Structures are given as structure tokens and as C-alpha cells.
Amino acid sequence: MNTVFDQMLSRYTTQTIEGKHNAMHEIMQEICLAALYRSGFFDKAAFYGGTCLRIFHNLPRFSENLDFSLLKKNNSFTLDQYLDAIIDEFRLYGRDVTVIRKAKSVQTDIESAFLKDNTEIIDIAFKKLLLNYCVKKS
């Protein structure tokens, strides 16, 4: 069966197993971002970090995770309200994924979850900080 995911993968000309792995990982990141957009997530949070730089500025880097920061401080915010939208979006693309919440041994303002299908894992990290506080001044 040729799923939408398979069609997206066909855009890439990969000749190695690592290249195919990276292409699949990138597609999973795109699907996750689409799901978050459709669910209204970006009304509350901003996308930043290495993956953001690669996607929006075409920088030659590869990042394993998706990083987000709240636009306004909200201590009651949780990723949980968006996880079903991510799972549903992947189903539309012909992939079944499982969300695995990262267990924390120390309480911090960072939430993490992993998306796993039968071959790939991507990491979603969410910092409950204002974006301005995430920028280091030199």
C-alpha cells in the first residue's frame, strides 16, 4: 500500500540506510508540526531550535527533536492536550504512532514526549518559559 507517508518519502533520493532514516525522521517532524498547527498549539507556543532553523532557514544541520516555548507563562499548560491530535494526524498519513511520555526524576519546567512508530522515534521537548528567556545574550 502506498500511503501519503510513502509518497512524501519518495521526494528524497536516499542511497544509504542512514539517509533513509534521516528522511523518515524529517517527515515525522513535518507531520508532528502540521498536527500541532491544526490543533491550535501555535496560538500558545513558538517553535525554535535546531530543527526550526533547518526547516525555516534551510540551514545544513540535523536535529533530533522539536523544541517549543510558551508565548506567555502558563504553569497549568501540558502537552497532553495535543497528543491525540498528533496521533490522529499520523493516522491520516498512514502511520500508527505511540506517544511515550519521558519520565522525570527531577521536577523542571520542561516536558518531553517521544513519538514512536515501528521504525522511528522523534523527541518533542517543551520548555514552559517565555521565548525571550531562552535567548542567551553575549
Protein backbone atom coordinates (compact mmCIF):
# COMPACT_ATOMS: atom_id res chain seq x y z
CA MET A 1 0.00 0.00 0.00
CA ASN A 2 1.36 3.42 -0.98
CA THR A 3 0.49 5.79 1.89
CA VAL A 4 0.84 9.57 1.95
CA PHE A 5 3.89 9.00 4.15
CA ASP A 6 5.42 6.79 1.43
CA GLN A 7 4.70 9.47 -1.17
CA MET A 8 6.45 12.06 1.00
CA LEU A 9 9.42 9.71 1.41
CA SER A 10 9.70 9.35 -2.36
CA ARG A 11 10.74 13.06 -2.56
CA TYR A 12 14.08 12.07 -1.07
CA THR A 13 16.87 10.42 -3.03
CA THR A 14 18.50 8.41 -0.28
CA GLN A 15 21.16 5.85 -1.03
CA THR A 16 22.07 4.74 2.48
CA ILE A 17 20.17 3.36 5.44
CA GLU A 18 21.18 6.45 7.43
CA GLY A 19 19.88 8.72 4.67
CA LYS A 20 16.52 6.92 4.65
CA HIS A 21 16.40 7.09 8.45
CA ASN A 22 17.02 10.86 8.36
CA ALA A 23 14.39 11.35 5.64
CA MET A 24 11.79 9.40 7.64
CA HIS A 25 12.69 11.36 10.75
CA GLU A 26 12.27 14.66 8.90
CA ILE A 27 8.86 13.62 7.54
CA MET A 28 7.73 12.64 11.03
CA GLN A 29 8.78 16.07 12.28
CA GLU A 30 6.76 17.74 9.50
CA ILE A 31 3.67 15.68 10.32
CA CYS A 32 4.00 16.49 14.00
CA LEU A 33 4.27 20.21 13.24
CA ALA A 34 1.20 20.03 11.00
CA ALA A 35 -0.78 18.35 13.78
CA LEU A 36 0.28 20.95 16.31
CA TYR A 37 -0.68 23.74 13.93
CA ARG A 38 -4.13 22.26 13.23
CA SER A 39 -4.76 21.77 16.96
CA GLY A 40 -4.12 25.44 17.80
CA PHE A 41 -0.87 24.73 19.62
CA PHE A 42 0.94 27.64 17.98
CA ASP A 43 -1.55 30.10 19.46
CA LYS A 44 0.21 29.34 22.76
CA ALA A 45 3.74 28.34 21.81
CA ALA A 46 6.62 29.11 19.46
CA PHE A 47 8.83 26.64 17.60
CA TYR A 48 12.56 27.28 17.96
CA GLY A 49 15.92 25.48 17.99
CA GLY A 50 17.96 23.49 15.53
CA THR A 51 15.08 21.83 13.71
CA CYS A 52 13.34 25.19 13.33
CA LEU A 53 16.50 26.67 11.81
CA ARG A 54 16.76 23.77 9.35
CA ILE A 55 13.10 23.88 8.29
CA PHE A 56 12.62 27.65 8.02
CA HIS A 57 16.10 28.81 7.08
CA ASN A 58 17.37 25.71 5.25
CA LEU A 59 20.47 25.51 7.42
CA PRO A 60 22.58 22.38 6.84
CA ARG A 61 22.01 20.80 10.23
CA PHE A 62 20.05 17.88 11.57
CA SER A 63 18.33 18.00 14.92
CA GLU A 64 16.74 15.08 16.68
CA ASN A 65 14.00 16.97 18.48
CA LEU A 66 11.36 19.66 18.14
CA ASP A 67 11.73 22.48 20.67
CA PHE A 68 8.91 24.80 21.74
CA SER A 69 8.45 27.61 24.23
CA LEU A 70 5.28 29.18 25.58
CA LEU A 71 4.45 32.66 24.33
CA LYS A 72 3.07 33.53 27.79
CA LYS A 73 3.85 31.92 31.11
CA ASN A 74 1.22 29.29 31.94
CA ASN A 75 2.05 26.88 34.76
CA SER A 76 -1.01 24.73 34.02
CA PHE A 77 -0.03 24.11 30.38
CA THR A 78 0.59 20.50 29.40
CA LEU A 79 1.45 18.73 26.16
CA ASP A 80 -1.17 16.09 26.92
CA GLN A 81 -3.98 18.11 25.34
CA TYR A 82 -2.22 17.95 21.95
CA LEU A 83 -1.02 14.35 21.85
CA ASP A 84 -4.25 12.88 20.44
CA ALA A 85 -4.12 15.40 17.57
CA ILE A 86 -0.59 14.21 16.76
CA ILE A 87 -1.62 10.55 16.81
CA ASP A 88 -4.66 11.29 14.61
CA GLU A 89 -2.55 13.27 12.13
CA PHE A 90 -0.13 10.38 11.71
CA ARG A 91 -3.05 8.04 11.01
CA LEU A 92 -4.12 10.34 8.17
CA TYR A 93 -0.65 9.86 6.69
CA GLY A 94 -0.82 6.07 7.03
CA ARG A 95 1.31 5.68 10.17
CA ASP A 96 0.40 4.46 13.63
CA VAL A 97 2.46 6.08 16.37
CA THR A 98 2.68 5.71 20.11
CA VAL A 99 3.37 8.64 22.41
CA ILE A 100 5.78 7.86 25.21
CA ARG A 101 5.99 10.48 27.97
CA LYS A 102 9.51 10.95 29.25
CA ALA A 103 9.68 10.20 32.96
CA LYS A 104 11.30 12.94 35.03
CA SER A 105 13.39 12.24 38.09
CA VAL A 106 13.59 15.96 38.95
CA GLN A 107 10.75 18.47 38.57
CA THR A 108 11.59 21.04 35.87
CA ASP A 109 9.73 23.35 33.50
CA ILE A 110 10.48 21.05 30.58
CA GLU A 111 8.02 18.47 29.29
CA SER A 112 9.16 15.78 26.90
CA ALA A 113 7.39 13.16 24.86
CA PHE A 114 8.58 10.72 22.23
CA LEU A 115 6.67 9.61 19.16
CA LYS A 116 7.41 6.07 18.11
CA ASP A 117 6.19 4.09 15.16
CA ASN A 118 7.51 0.71 14.11
CA THR A 119 10.81 2.16 12.89
CA GLU A 120 11.39 5.70 14.13
CA ILE A 121 11.43 7.76 17.30
CA ILE A 122 11.26 11.55 17.44
CA ASP A 123 11.63 13.68 20.53
CA ILE A 124 9.38 16.61 21.38
CA ALA A 125 10.71 18.92 24.08
CA PHE A 126 8.64 21.71 25.51
CA LYS A 127 10.01 24.38 27.81
CA LYS A 128 7.49 26.25 29.95
CA LEU A 129 9.37 29.52 29.60
CA LEU A 130 8.83 32.66 27.63
CA LEU A 131 10.78 32.56 24.39
CA ASN A 132 12.68 35.73 25.32
CA TYR A 133 14.20 33.92 28.28
CA CYS A 134 15.60 31.18 26.08
CA VAL A 135 17.94 33.51 24.18
CA LYS A 136 21.42 33.87 25.66
CA LYS A 137 22.95 37.32 25.45
CA SER A 138 26.66 37.51 24.72
